[in-house]
Amino acid sequence: QEVLVESGGGLVQPGGSLRLSCVASGGRVLSANDMGWFRQTPDKARELVARISSDGSTTYEDSVKGRFTVSRDDALNTMYLQMNSLNPADTGVYYCNGHPVPISDWGRGTKVTVSA
């Protein structure tokens, strides 16, 4: 059974927006953990792009600051990544998990493709 399920990816034109969702199950409570959104591309290792701590504080990788917003709905045990002003460099498969300590096996991710 998948514990972390990502969704919301797709094909979008440069300048467009997407909202990714990460739903947790299996007893994992997102609000009790420091969580991150990660991006992986064929030529790079999985990298952290946004993080939300259990206290709600957020941090971002420099290239996404001002464009991405990470948030959490504790009632739904769901984390979101609002991505605006997308550009081709944002293309990749996006995953959620705990950071710095994973809370579960990695999910399947959700693919984001930014292309004209």
C-alpha atoms as a PDB file:
ATOM      1  CA  GLN A   1       0.000   0.000   0.000  1.00  0.00           C
ATOM      2  CA  GLU A   2       1.338   3.367  -1.007  1.00  0.00           C
ATOM      3  CA  VAL A   3       1.729   5.724   1.926  1.00  0.00           C
ATOM      4  CA  LEU A   4       2.591   8.894  -0.004  1.00  0.00           C
ATOM      5  CA  VAL A   5       0.668   9.592  -3.188  1.00  0.00           C
ATOM      6  CA  GLU A   6       1.550  12.566  -5.343  1.00  0.00           C
ATOM      7  CA  SER A   7      -0.748  14.022  -7.999  1.00  0.00           C
ATOM      8  CA  GLY A   8      -1.427  17.152  -9.997  1.00  0.00           C
ATOM      9  CA  GLY A   9       1.363  17.065 -12.535  1.00  0.00           C
ATOM     10  CA  GLY A  10       0.931  17.504 -16.246  1.00  0.00           C
ATOM     11  CA  LEU A  11       1.991  19.375 -19.328  1.00  0.00           C
ATOM     12  CA  VAL A  12       1.941  23.146 -19.027  1.00  0.00           C
ATOM     13  CA  GLN A  13       3.228  25.998 -21.143  1.00  0.00           C
ATOM     14  CA  PRO A  14       5.958  28.300 -19.859  1.00  0.00           C
ATOM     15  CA  GLY A  15       4.424  30.887 -17.565  1.00  0.00           C
ATOM     16  CA  GLY A  16       1.654  28.547 -16.517  1.00  0.00           C
ATOM     17  CA  SER A  17       0.731  27.136 -13.111  1.00  0.00           C
ATOM     18  CA  LEU A  18       0.121  23.791 -11.487  1.00  0.00           C
ATOM     19  CA  ARG A  19      -0.781  22.667  -8.004  1.00  0.00           C
ATOM     20  CA  LEU A  20       0.660  19.411  -6.781  1.00  0.00           C
ATOM     21  CA  SER A  21      -0.857  17.408  -3.957  1.00  0.00           C
ATOM     22  CA  CYS A  22       0.668  14.861  -1.594  1.00  0.00           C
ATOM     23  CA  VAL A  23      -1.724  12.702   0.369  1.00  0.00           C
ATOM     24  CA  ALA A  24      -0.440  10.606   3.239  1.00  0.00           C
ATOM     25  CA  SER A  25      -1.988   7.464   4.629  1.00  0.00           C
ATOM     26  CA  GLY A  26      -0.897   4.471   6.660  1.00  0.00           C
ATOM     27  CA  GLY A  27      -0.825   6.402   9.905  1.00  0.00           C
ATOM     28  CA  ARG A  28       1.668   8.989   8.675  1.00  0.00           C
ATOM     29  CA  VAL A  29       0.649  12.425   9.886  1.00  0.00           C
ATOM     30  CA  LEU A  30       2.155  15.146   7.737  1.00  0.00           C
ATOM     31  CA  SER A  31       1.745  17.883  10.337  1.00  0.00           C
ATOM     32  CA  ALA A  32       3.918  15.946  12.770  1.00  0.00           C
ATOM     33  CA  ASN A  33       6.833  15.836  10.359  1.00  0.00           C
ATOM     34  CA  ASP A  34       9.137  18.169   8.469  1.00  0.00           C
ATOM     35  CA  MET A  35       8.160  17.520   4.863  1.00  0.00           C
ATOM     36  CA  GLY A  36       9.602  18.368   1.522  1.00  0.00           C
ATOM     37  CA  TRP A  37       8.829  18.471  -2.166  1.00  0.00           C
ATOM     38  CA  PHE A  38      11.590  17.031  -4.297  1.00  0.00           C
ATOM     39  CA  ARG A  39      12.277  17.153  -8.027  1.00  0.00           C
ATOM     40  CA  GLN A  40      14.148  14.582 -10.049  1.00  0.00           C
ATOM     41  CA  THR A  41      15.297  14.836 -13.666  1.00  0.00           C
ATOM     42  CA  PRO A  42      17.141  12.282 -15.801  1.00  0.00           C
ATOM     43  CA  ASP A  43      20.421  14.145 -15.435  1.00  0.00           C
ATOM     44  CA  LYS A  44      20.232  15.184 -11.787  1.00  0.00           C
ATOM     45  CA  ALA A  45      19.775  13.523  -8.467  1.00  0.00           C
ATOM     46  CA  ARG A  46      16.564  14.115  -6.564  1.00  0.00           C
ATOM     47  CA  GLU A  47      16.742  17.596  -5.076  1.00  0.00           C
ATOM     48  CA  LEU A  48      14.735  19.408  -2.456  1.00  0.00           C
ATOM     49  CA  VAL A  49      12.803  22.358  -3.860  1.00  0.00           C
ATOM     50  CA  ALA A  50      10.494  23.284  -0.983  1.00  0.00           C
ATOM     51  CA  ARG A  51      10.142  22.336   2.637  1.00  0.00           C
ATOM     52  CA  ILE A  52       7.512  22.855   5.312  1.00  0.00           C
ATOM     53  CA  SER A  53       8.357  22.186   8.913  1.00  0.00           C
ATOM     54  CA  SER A  54       5.978  20.728  11.456  1.00  0.00           C
ATOM     55  CA  ASP A  55       5.579  24.250  12.852  1.00  0.00           C
ATOM     56  CA  GLY A  56       4.523  25.523   9.428  1.00  0.00           C
ATOM     57  CA  SER A  57       7.667  27.430   8.537  1.00  0.00           C
ATOM     58  CA  THR A  58       8.741  27.119   4.909  1.00  0.00           C
ATOM     59  CA  THR A  59      11.978  27.252   2.940  1.00  0.00           C
ATOM     60  CA  TYR A  60      12.649  27.129  -0.795  1.00  0.00           C
ATOM     61  CA  GLU A  61      15.429  26.343  -3.178  1.00  0.00           C
ATOM     62  CA  ASP A  62      16.695  29.573  -4.723  1.00  0.00           C
ATOM     63  CA  SER A  63      15.409  28.918  -8.233  1.00  0.00           C
ATOM     64  CA  VAL A  64      11.796  28.563  -7.060  1.00  0.00           C
ATOM     65  CA  LYS A  65      11.641  31.336  -4.482  1.00  0.00           C
ATOM     66  CA  GLY A  66       8.791  33.716  -5.217  1.00  0.00           C
ATOM     67  CA  ARG A  67       7.185  31.252  -7.637  1.00  0.00           C
ATOM     68  CA  PHE A  68       6.434  28.133  -5.577  1.00  0.00           C
ATOM     69  CA  THR A  69       4.450  27.947  -2.364  1.00  0.00           C
ATOM     70  CA  VAL A  70       4.291  24.902  -0.126  1.00  0.00           C
ATOM     71  CA  SER A  71       1.324  24.505   2.198  1.00  0.00           C
ATOM     72  CA  ARG A  72      -0.472  21.889   4.197  1.00  0.00           C
ATOM     73  CA  ASP A  73      -4.072  21.027   5.049  1.00  0.00           C
ATOM     74  CA  ASP A  74      -3.863  19.192   8.338  1.00  0.00           C
ATOM     75  CA  ALA A  75      -7.520  18.139   8.278  1.00  0.00           C
ATOM     76  CA  LEU A  76      -6.950  16.361   4.971  1.00  0.00           C
ATOM     77  CA  ASN A  77      -3.428  15.186   5.843  1.00  0.00           C
ATOM     78  CA  THR A  78      -2.362  16.671   2.522  1.00  0.00           C
ATOM     79  CA  MET A  79       0.534  18.838   1.437  1.00  0.00           C
ATOM     80  CA  TYR A  80       0.461  21.070  -1.620  1.00  0.00           C
ATOM     81  CA  LEU A  81       2.943  22.756  -3.904  1.00  0.00           C
ATOM     82  CA  GLN A  82       1.549  25.704  -5.817  1.00  0.00           C
ATOM     83  CA  MET A  83       3.820  26.341  -8.769  1.00  0.00           C
ATOM     84  CA  ASN A  84       3.487  29.595 -10.710  1.00  0.00           C
ATOM     85  CA  SER A  85       5.465  31.153 -13.539  1.00  0.00           C
ATOM     86  CA  LEU A  86       6.701  27.752 -14.566  1.00  0.00           C
ATOM     87  CA  ASN A  87       9.656  27.458 -16.901  1.00  0.00           C
ATOM     88  CA  PRO A  88      11.265  24.503 -18.677  1.00  0.00           C
ATOM     89  CA  ALA A  89      13.855  24.142 -15.899  1.00  0.00           C
ATOM     90  CA  ASP A  90      11.012  23.123 -13.580  1.00  0.00           C
ATOM     91  CA  THR A  91      10.397  19.985 -15.635  1.00  0.00           C
ATOM     92  CA  GLY A  92      10.821  16.774 -13.712  1.00  0.00           C
ATOM     93  CA  VAL A  93       9.140  14.212 -11.539  1.00  0.00           C
ATOM     94  CA  TYR A  94       8.050  15.638  -8.213  1.00  0.00           C
ATOM     95  CA  TYR A  95       7.957  13.606  -5.023  1.00  0.00           C
ATOM     96  CA  CYS A  96       7.018  14.322  -1.449  1.00  0.00           C
ATOM     97  CA  ASN A  97       8.584  12.835   1.648  1.00  0.00           C
ATOM     98  CA  GLY A  98       9.968  13.768   4.986  1.00  0.00           C
ATOM     99  CA  HIS A  99      13.074  15.943   5.118  1.00  0.00           C
ATOM    100  CA  PRO A 100      15.718  15.372   6.257  1.00  0.00           C
ATOM    101  CA  VAL A 101      14.342  12.001   7.318  1.00  0.00           C
ATOM    102  CA  PRO A 102      11.959  10.191   4.959  1.00  0.00           C
ATOM    103  CA  ILE A 103       8.723   9.113   6.611  1.00  0.00           C
ATOM    104  CA  SER A 104       8.036   6.356   4.113  1.00  0.00           C
ATOM    105  CA  ASP A 105       9.213   4.688   0.966  1.00  0.00           C
ATOM    106  CA  TRP A 106       9.219   7.054  -1.985  1.00  0.00           C
ATOM    107  CA  GLY A 107       5.964   7.236  -3.925  1.00  0.00           C
ATOM    108  CA  ARG A 108       5.590   7.154  -7.680  1.00  0.00           C
ATOM    109  CA  GLY A 109       5.815  10.910  -8.005  1.00  0.00           C
ATOM    110  CA  THR A 110       3.946  13.151 -10.390  1.00  0.00           C
ATOM    111  CA  LYS A 111       5.451  14.293 -13.654  1.00  0.00           C
ATOM    112  CA  VAL A 112       5.610  17.966 -14.563  1.00  0.00           C
ATOM    113  CA  THR A 113       6.528  18.977 -18.083  1.00  0.00           C
ATOM    114  CA  VAL A 114       6.915  22.638 -18.963  1.00  0.00           C
ATOM    115  CA  SER A 115       7.065  23.082 -22.691  1.00  0.00           C
ATOM    116  CA  ALA A 116       5.650  25.223 -25.449  1.00  0.00           C
END
